[in-house]
Each structure stands twice: as structure tokens, then as C-alpha cells.
Amino acid sequence: MPVITIETWPMDKARKKEIIKKITDVFTGLGIPGEAVTVVIHDTSLDNWGTCGEQHCEKYKDLKR
């Protein structure tokens, strides 16, 4: 059934667990069994992301993570 893929900056395990649970809850609320819901999180370091020709590790260097 549904496979949800999330592309994000790095985050801690607790945050990932919370996101997986909440996304699964959305689908179970629609009548889809939780066993059928798969969530895949791809967390990519900021030096591998870029916008407007600038790496996010530089663009957001002051961002609290």
C-alpha cells in the first residue's frame, strides 16, 4: 500500500520516530491498516543540499539544529 518517502536534513532518532508515527496515524485515520504503511526517511547532510548555487551548510550555517 502507501510508501511515503521524506527527503530532509539530518534529524535525531526521536524526531524521526515521531514523524513516522504521525504520518502512519494519518493513513490509519483514513482506514488503511498501519501494517500497510511504509515511511522511508532520507536525511541528507547540508553539504549535499543546495539552493541558488549555494550549499545549505553555508546558507544556513547559523540555523539551530
Protein backbone atom coordinates (compact mmCIF):
# COMPACT_ATOMS: atom_id res chain seq x y z
CA MET A 1 0.00 0.00 0.00
CA PRO A 2 1.34 3.51 0.57
CA VAL A 3 5.07 4.13 0.69
CA ILE A 4 5.86 7.65 1.86
CA THR A 5 9.37 8.99 1.21
CA ILE A 6 10.66 12.03 3.08
CA GLU A 7 13.73 13.96 1.96
CA THR A 8 15.07 16.05 4.83
CA TRP A 9 18.09 17.49 6.56
CA PRO A 10 19.54 15.34 9.35
CA MET A 11 17.40 14.94 12.46
CA ASP A 12 17.64 12.92 15.64
CA LYS A 13 16.08 9.48 16.13
CA ALA A 14 13.32 10.76 18.41
CA ARG A 15 12.14 13.23 15.78
CA LYS A 16 12.17 10.54 13.08
CA LYS A 17 10.13 8.23 15.31
CA GLU A 18 7.57 10.99 15.88
CA ILE A 19 7.28 11.76 12.15
CA ILE A 20 6.84 8.08 11.24
CA LYS A 21 4.12 7.70 13.88
CA LYS A 22 2.21 10.83 12.87
CA ILE A 23 2.30 10.01 9.15
CA THR A 24 1.11 6.46 9.87
CA ASP A 25 -1.69 7.91 12.02
CA VAL A 26 -2.92 9.98 9.07
CA PHE A 27 -3.30 6.87 6.94
CA THR A 28 -4.85 4.74 9.68
CA GLY A 29 -7.34 7.58 10.18
CA LEU A 30 -8.31 7.04 6.54
CA GLY A 31 -8.95 3.35 7.20
CA ILE A 32 -5.63 2.00 5.92
CA PRO A 33 -4.08 -0.54 8.29
CA GLY A 34 -0.85 0.63 9.92
CA GLU A 35 0.85 -2.58 8.78
CA ALA A 36 0.34 -1.43 5.19
CA VAL A 37 2.01 1.98 5.66
CA THR A 38 5.74 2.32 4.99
CA VAL A 39 7.64 5.52 5.73
CA VAL A 40 11.19 6.00 4.44
CA ILE A 41 13.26 8.94 5.67
CA HIS A 42 16.29 10.04 3.67
CA ASP A 43 18.24 12.51 5.74
CA THR A 44 20.95 14.21 3.74
CA SER A 45 23.73 16.32 5.20
CA LEU A 46 23.52 20.04 4.50
CA ASP A 47 26.68 19.97 2.39
CA ASN A 48 24.80 17.72 -0.07
CA TRP A 49 21.86 20.15 -0.40
CA GLY A 50 21.95 23.40 -2.29
CA THR A 51 19.72 26.24 -3.40
CA CYS A 52 20.51 29.01 -5.83
CA GLY A 53 24.09 27.78 -6.23
CA GLU A 54 24.87 27.77 -2.51
CA GLN A 55 25.32 24.77 -0.22
CA HIS A 56 22.88 24.71 2.66
CA CYS A 57 25.73 24.13 5.12
CA GLU A 58 26.84 27.67 4.23
CA LYS A 59 23.46 29.25 3.60
CA TYR A 60 22.03 28.05 6.92
CA LYS A 61 25.22 27.88 9.00
CA ASP A 62 23.58 29.88 11.81
CA LEU A 63 20.48 27.67 11.90
CA LYS A 64 19.98 25.80 15.17
CA ARG A 65 19.70 22.08 14.55
